[in-house]
Protein backbone atom coordinates (compact mmCIF):
# COMPACT_ATOMS: atom_id res chain seq x y z
CA MET A 1 86.51 68.83 -24.25
CA LYS A 2 88.50 70.37 -26.83
CA LYS A 3 88.24 69.28 -30.35
CA THR A 4 91.05 68.88 -32.54
CA THR A 5 92.20 66.72 -34.99
CA LEU A 6 95.32 64.14 -34.86
CA ILE A 7 97.30 66.43 -36.66
CA LEU A 8 97.11 68.97 -33.82
CA GLY A 9 100.90 70.15 -33.52
CA LEU A 10 102.26 67.43 -35.31
CA ALA A 11 103.95 69.27 -38.29
CA ALA A 12 106.39 67.09 -38.24
CA LEU A 13 104.12 64.44 -39.63
CA THR A 14 104.11 65.93 -42.63
CA VAL A 15 102.93 62.25 -44.47
CA LEU A 16 100.13 61.88 -42.01
CA GLY A 17 97.70 63.02 -44.92
CA ALA A 18 99.08 61.31 -47.63
CA THR A 19 98.26 58.06 -44.78
CA SER A 20 95.27 58.50 -43.39
CA CYS A 21 93.86 56.49 -46.46
CA GLN A 22 96.00 53.55 -45.31
CA SER A 23 93.92 51.05 -42.93
CA PHE A 24 94.79 50.19 -39.61
CA LYS A 25 96.65 47.04 -38.79
CA ASP A 26 95.50 44.74 -35.71
CA GLY A 27 98.34 44.10 -33.00
CA GLU A 28 98.74 42.49 -29.87
CA GLY A 29 95.88 42.39 -27.36
CA GLY A 30 92.89 44.23 -29.54
CA MET A 31 95.70 47.21 -30.53
CA GLN A 32 95.14 48.79 -33.89
CA TYR A 33 97.98 50.46 -35.48
CA LYS A 34 99.38 52.66 -38.22
CA ILE A 35 103.27 53.40 -39.04
CA VAL A 36 103.57 56.84 -40.24
CA ASN A 37 107.08 57.18 -41.01
CA ASP A 38 109.74 54.36 -40.15
CA GLU A 39 113.17 55.96 -40.05
CA GLY A 40 114.66 52.36 -39.85
CA ASN A 41 116.57 53.06 -36.82
CA THR A 42 116.83 50.54 -33.59
CA LYS A 43 113.32 50.15 -32.11
CA ILE A 44 112.91 51.33 -28.63
CA LYS A 45 113.81 48.64 -25.78
CA GLU A 46 112.66 48.42 -21.86
CA GLY A 47 114.89 51.00 -20.13
CA ASP A 48 115.94 52.84 -22.67
CA PHE A 49 114.85 56.46 -22.11
CA VAL A 50 112.36 58.20 -24.54
CA SER A 51 111.83 62.00 -25.53
CA LEU A 52 108.68 62.30 -27.55
CA GLY A 53 105.63 64.34 -28.94
CA ALA A 54 102.18 63.31 -28.21
CA VAL A 55 98.72 63.69 -28.81
CA ILE A 56 95.91 61.75 -26.49
CA THR A 57 92.43 61.21 -28.22
CA THR A 58 88.98 59.49 -27.74
CA GLU A 59 87.60 58.34 -30.96
CA SER A 60 85.82 61.39 -31.44
CA ASP A 61 88.52 63.50 -31.41
CA SER A 62 88.51 64.95 -27.84
CA VAL A 63 91.71 66.04 -26.69
CA LEU A 64 92.87 64.14 -23.36
CA ASN A 65 96.24 65.09 -23.61
CA SER A 66 98.87 66.80 -25.80
CA SER A 67 102.54 67.66 -25.62
CA TYR A 68 102.01 70.13 -28.17
CA GLU A 69 99.51 71.82 -26.08
CA MET A 70 101.24 71.75 -22.93
CA GLU A 71 105.03 72.74 -25.11
CA GLN A 72 107.08 70.64 -23.59
CA PRO A 73 107.99 66.74 -24.89
CA PHE A 74 106.60 64.01 -22.43
CA TYR A 75 110.00 62.01 -21.12
CA LEU A 76 109.44 58.19 -19.98
CA ALA A 77 111.56 55.38 -19.40
CA ALA A 78 110.69 52.57 -21.24
CA GLN A 79 108.95 49.57 -19.12
CA LYS A 80 108.19 46.43 -19.92
CA PRO A 81 104.81 45.68 -21.36
CA MET A 82 101.91 45.19 -18.36
CA TYR A 83 99.95 43.64 -20.90
CA PRO A 84 99.85 42.75 -24.63
CA GLY A 85 98.51 46.20 -26.83
CA ASP A 86 99.38 49.05 -23.61
CA ILE A 87 101.14 51.98 -24.29
CA PHE A 88 104.51 49.88 -23.79
CA THR A 89 103.58 47.84 -26.28
CA ALA A 90 103.03 50.20 -28.86
CA LEU A 91 106.50 51.82 -27.85
CA THR A 92 108.43 48.48 -28.92
CA MET A 93 107.08 49.28 -32.60
CA LEU A 94 108.93 52.73 -32.82
CA GLY A 95 112.70 53.88 -33.20
CA GLU A 96 114.43 57.72 -33.04
CA GLY A 97 112.55 60.06 -35.55
CA ASP A 98 109.75 57.33 -36.09
CA SER A 99 105.84 58.21 -36.09
CA ALA A 100 102.57 56.11 -35.62
CA VAL A 101 98.99 55.82 -34.77
CA PHE A 102 97.87 53.69 -31.93
CA LYS A 103 94.19 52.43 -31.05
CA LEU A 104 94.58 51.25 -27.86
CA ASN A 105 92.14 48.70 -27.12
CA ILE A 106 89.67 50.06 -23.95
CA ASP A 107 88.46 46.32 -22.76
CA SER A 108 91.73 45.24 -22.89
CA MET A 109 93.14 48.11 -20.58
CA VAL A 110 90.34 47.63 -18.10
CA SER A 111 90.50 43.79 -17.87
CA LYS A 112 94.09 43.50 -17.79
CA SER A 113 95.25 46.82 -15.68
CA GLY A 114 92.56 46.85 -13.55
CA GLN A 115 91.97 50.64 -14.50
CA PRO A 116 88.68 51.93 -14.28
CA LYS A 117 86.78 52.42 -17.64
CA PRO A 118 87.14 56.12 -19.16
CA PRO A 119 84.30 58.07 -18.54
CA PHE A 120 83.36 58.38 -22.74
CA LYS A 121 82.14 56.25 -25.42
CA GLY A 122 84.14 54.46 -27.61
CA ASP A 123 86.23 51.15 -28.03
CA TYR A 124 90.08 52.86 -28.39
CA ILE A 125 91.96 55.80 -26.64
CA VAL A 126 94.02 57.16 -29.82
CA HIS A 127 97.81 58.23 -29.06
CA THR A 128 99.57 60.11 -32.01
CA PHE A 129 103.52 59.96 -31.37
CA LYS A 130 106.72 61.23 -32.26
CA ILE A 131 109.63 59.50 -31.42
CA ASN A 132 112.65 62.91 -30.85
CA LYS A 133 114.97 61.02 -28.81
CA VAL A 134 115.87 57.34 -27.75
CA ILE A 135 118.81 57.03 -25.44
CA PRO A 136 119.44 53.16 -25.21
CA LYS A 137 120.32 51.70 -21.89
CA GLY A 138 122.15 48.98 -23.12
CA ASP A 139 125.18 47.94 -21.20
CA LEU A 140 125.28 51.35 -19.44
CA THR A 141 126.40 51.30 -15.81
CA ASP A 142 123.13 53.78 -14.11
CA SER A 143 125.89 56.09 -14.24
CA LEU A 144 126.99 56.94 -17.31
CA PHE A 145 122.92 56.47 -18.39
CA ASN A 146 121.90 59.26 -15.84
CA ILE A 147 124.56 60.98 -17.30
CA GLU A 148 123.84 61.05 -20.98
CA VAL A 149 120.00 61.37 -20.09
CA GLU A 150 120.51 64.43 -17.62
CA LYS A 151 122.85 65.76 -20.61
CA TYR A 152 119.94 65.67 -23.21
CA ILE A 153 116.93 66.95 -20.75
CA ASN A 154 119.72 69.95 -19.72
CA GLN A 155 120.28 70.61 -23.75
CA ASP A 156 116.28 70.34 -24.19
CA ARG A 157 115.67 72.42 -20.95
CA GLU A 158 117.82 75.22 -23.18
CA LYS A 159 116.11 75.52 -25.48
CA ALA A 160 113.08 75.86 -23.75
CA LYS A 161 114.70 78.36 -21.75
CA ASN A 162 115.15 80.76 -25.41
CA ALA A 163 112.12 80.22 -26.71
CA GLU A 164 110.23 81.80 -24.32
CA ALA A 165 110.38 85.54 -24.97
CA GLY A 166 108.64 84.28 -28.72
CA LYS A 167 106.24 81.99 -26.85
CA ILE A 168 105.12 84.86 -24.70
CA GLU A 169 104.59 87.11 -27.86
CA GLY A 170 103.09 85.02 -29.94
CA TYR A 171 100.17 84.50 -27.49
CA ILE A 172 99.79 88.25 -26.86
CA LYS A 173 99.54 88.44 -30.32
CA LYS A 174 97.43 85.86 -30.91
CA ASN A 175 94.80 86.36 -28.42
CA LYS A 176 95.27 90.40 -29.36
CA LEU A 177 96.46 91.48 -25.81
CA ASP A 178 97.09 95.13 -24.94
CA VAL A 179 99.92 94.75 -22.07
CA GLN A 180 101.60 96.65 -19.97
CA THR A 181 104.94 95.41 -18.20
CA THR A 182 106.31 95.54 -15.05
CA SER A 183 109.82 95.98 -14.35
CA SER A 184 110.32 91.89 -13.65
CA GLY A 185 108.60 91.29 -16.80
CA LEU A 186 105.37 90.24 -15.69
CA LYS A 187 102.75 91.23 -18.75
CA TYR A 188 99.48 92.17 -17.84
CA GLN A 189 95.88 93.21 -19.34
CA VAL A 190 92.92 94.71 -17.50
CA GLU A 191 89.73 94.31 -19.06
CA LYS A 192 87.43 95.39 -16.65
CA GLU A 193 88.34 97.57 -13.86
CA GLY A 194 87.81 97.31 -10.11
CA GLU A 195 86.41 99.56 -7.24
CA GLY A 196 88.07 100.79 -4.44
CA ASN A 197 91.69 100.29 -2.95
CA LYS A 198 94.27 97.79 -4.75
CA PRO A 199 95.43 94.85 -1.18
CA ASN A 200 97.93 95.79 0.81
CA VAL A 201 100.53 93.04 1.89
CA GLY A 202 98.91 90.01 4.11
CA ASP A 203 95.62 91.39 2.31
CA THR A 204 93.39 88.41 1.50
CA VAL A 205 92.48 88.38 -1.73
CA VAL A 206 89.63 85.91 -3.07
CA VAL A 207 90.07 85.37 -6.68
CA HIS A 208 88.76 83.31 -9.37
CA TYR A 209 90.83 82.16 -11.57
CA THR A 210 91.93 79.87 -14.99
CA GLY A 211 95.95 78.67 -16.20
CA ARG A 212 97.07 78.31 -19.27
CA PHE A 213 100.08 76.51 -21.10
CA LEU A 214 100.56 79.52 -23.67
CA GLY A 215 99.32 76.62 -26.33
CA GLY A 216 95.75 77.27 -24.64
CA LYS A 217 95.30 74.14 -22.90
CA VAL A 218 93.75 74.89 -19.38
CA PHE A 219 95.65 73.26 -16.66
CA ASP A 220 94.10 74.35 -13.48
CA THR A 221 91.29 76.46 -13.11
CA SER A 222 88.34 77.46 -9.93
CA VAL A 223 85.19 77.61 -12.34
CA LYS A 224 83.50 74.25 -12.20
CA LYS A 225 82.20 75.39 -16.06
CA GLU A 226 85.75 76.28 -17.17
CA ALA A 227 87.32 72.82 -16.00
CA GLU A 228 84.51 71.03 -17.60
CA ASP A 229 84.59 72.95 -20.92
CA ALA A 230 88.36 72.33 -21.08
CA GLY A 231 88.40 68.08 -19.92
CA VAL A 232 90.05 69.12 -16.54
CA TYR A 233 86.90 68.52 -14.05
CA ASN A 234 87.89 66.79 -11.31
CA GLN A 235 85.41 65.57 -8.77
CA MET A 236 87.55 65.18 -5.75
CA ARG A 237 87.50 69.57 -6.08
CA GLU A 238 83.97 69.93 -5.07
CA PRO A 239 83.41 72.03 -4.93
CA TYR A 240 84.59 74.72 -7.20
CA GLU A 241 85.07 78.11 -6.00
CA PRO A 242 86.95 80.83 -5.92
CA MET A 243 90.71 80.79 -3.85
CA LYS A 244 91.85 83.02 -0.92
CA LEU A 245 95.02 83.86 -0.57
CA PRO A 246 97.03 86.66 1.03
CA VAL A 247 99.21 88.95 -1.16
CA GLY A 248 102.47 89.86 -0.65
CA ILE A 249 103.88 87.23 1.37
CA GLY A 250 105.34 84.76 -0.96
CA ALA A 251 102.56 82.30 -0.42
CA VAL A 252 101.67 81.78 -3.96
CA VAL A 253 104.06 82.28 -7.42
CA PRO A 254 106.10 86.08 -7.76
CA GLY A 255 103.83 86.42 -10.65
CA TRP A 256 100.75 86.41 -8.77
CA ASP A 257 101.95 88.32 -5.86
CA GLU A 258 102.85 91.00 -8.23
CA GLY A 259 99.75 90.66 -10.38
CA LEU A 260 96.84 90.67 -7.98
CA ALA A 261 98.40 93.81 -6.55
CA LEU A 262 97.82 95.92 -9.30
CA LEU A 263 93.77 94.95 -9.00
CA SER A 264 90.81 96.58 -7.07
CA LYS A 265 87.94 94.55 -6.10
CA GLY A 266 85.72 93.41 -8.93
CA ALA A 267 88.64 93.79 -11.24
CA LYS A 268 89.21 90.71 -14.41
CA ALA A 269 92.55 90.39 -15.71
CA THR A 270 95.24 88.46 -17.59
CA LEU A 271 98.68 87.98 -16.28
CA VAL A 272 101.53 86.45 -18.40
CA LEU A 273 103.94 85.19 -17.10
CA PRO A 274 107.44 84.54 -17.95
CA SER A 275 109.12 80.86 -16.14
CA ASP A 276 110.92 83.22 -13.39
CA LEU A 277 107.29 84.89 -12.20
CA ALA A 278 105.96 81.13 -12.32
CA TYR A 279 107.66 77.44 -11.63
CA GLY A 280 111.16 79.00 -12.49
CA GLU A 281 113.83 76.09 -13.48
CA HIS A 282 112.74 73.76 -11.55
CA GLY A 283 108.60 73.00 -12.69
CA SER A 284 106.22 72.02 -10.74
CA MET A 285 103.65 69.46 -10.79
CA GLY A 286 102.43 69.00 -14.82
CA ILE A 287 104.10 72.26 -15.62
CA GLN A 288 108.13 71.35 -17.06
CA PRO A 289 110.73 73.43 -15.98
CA TYR A 290 111.02 77.02 -17.86
CA THR A 291 107.17 77.44 -18.89
CA PRO A 292 105.43 80.68 -19.39
CA LEU A 293 102.31 80.52 -18.30
CA ALA A 294 98.75 82.65 -18.71
CA PHE A 295 96.06 83.52 -15.93
CA GLU A 296 92.69 84.67 -16.44
CA VAL A 297 92.00 86.43 -12.63
CA GLU A 298 88.61 88.00 -11.40
CA VAL A 299 89.35 89.65 -8.02
CA ILE A 300 85.57 88.77 -5.86
CA ASP A 301 87.05 90.53 -2.45
CA ILE A 302 89.74 91.81 -0.81
CA ILE A 303 88.83 90.82 2.80
CA PRO A 304 92.15 93.95 4.64
CA GLN A 305 94.59 92.14 7.25
CA LYS A 306 93.87 92.96 10.91
CA GLY A 307 96.12 95.92 11.83
CA GLY A 308 96.71 97.27 8.29
CA ALA A 309 99.99 97.10 6.43
CA ALA A 310 101.74 99.31 3.82
CA PRO A 311 100.74 98.89 -0.20
CA THR A 312 102.31 96.54 -2.38
CA ALA A 313 104.52 98.26 -5.27
CA ALA A 314 104.29 97.12 -8.84
CA THR A 315 104.10 99.58 -11.88
CA PRO A 316 104.55 99.45 -15.19
CA ALA A 317 108.17 99.89 -16.75
CA LYS A 318 108.42 102.88 -18.80
């Protein structure tokens, strides 16, 4: 798994280093905790809406999940704790603007929730939280509460939409990509040219791929070693193998349809997709709205459809 410090992405936690020498306090259910910043606001209650930044790691700092690598906050509705010392117990200790580090006891989680023991060593899973926003449920009717939540989320998504171009340019600069841009806004760099013809509409492309958020986190891959190294290996997916998909008929997101049409057999390339060529304003499972994505692809084979078809068209913008 990727290694990082608990400070990953938490620029707002500027006092974390100053408080790192503080000892953890004992909480319920074997929890240990350290309040980094307390703004003195009302603490989270059952039913409240919460937007937070979070980094979840093992004790050895291997990242299990991070809202910062995904470049989107986590949203949740605060629930009644399932057992003393769980994640919702931790949230009741925080209010808007607060930040803290919680070490949640794995044995308590296993015995109280019935979840299987995680496949890594250590007594705790470490959660570093920064509470961005709390919308109290209080006495609000469900209708009024949902209006407030939807209003906030729409504002958040508008910010994400407006930040897209900067994220894409930052990713390209950080990774020193020399990209071409098509008229649709797809940016791509061919690292290795292929041989032979490019696929026609309806041809089947056999492709290995690794998909990343622009913060760097791998969210999906067809390569087993990449999955293991990124900590996203899923035994249920075995065997890991190249994906077969028809090109140019809308079977995949638009950026893939367009990008793969530019590549011959044997080609390797990086495709950087703005959200309107990926999962757009609605997002998808695990991918928030207005999220640009990067894919590293390798074309293993191109299987022509029977009877042939007209070629796809995607040309770099002038």
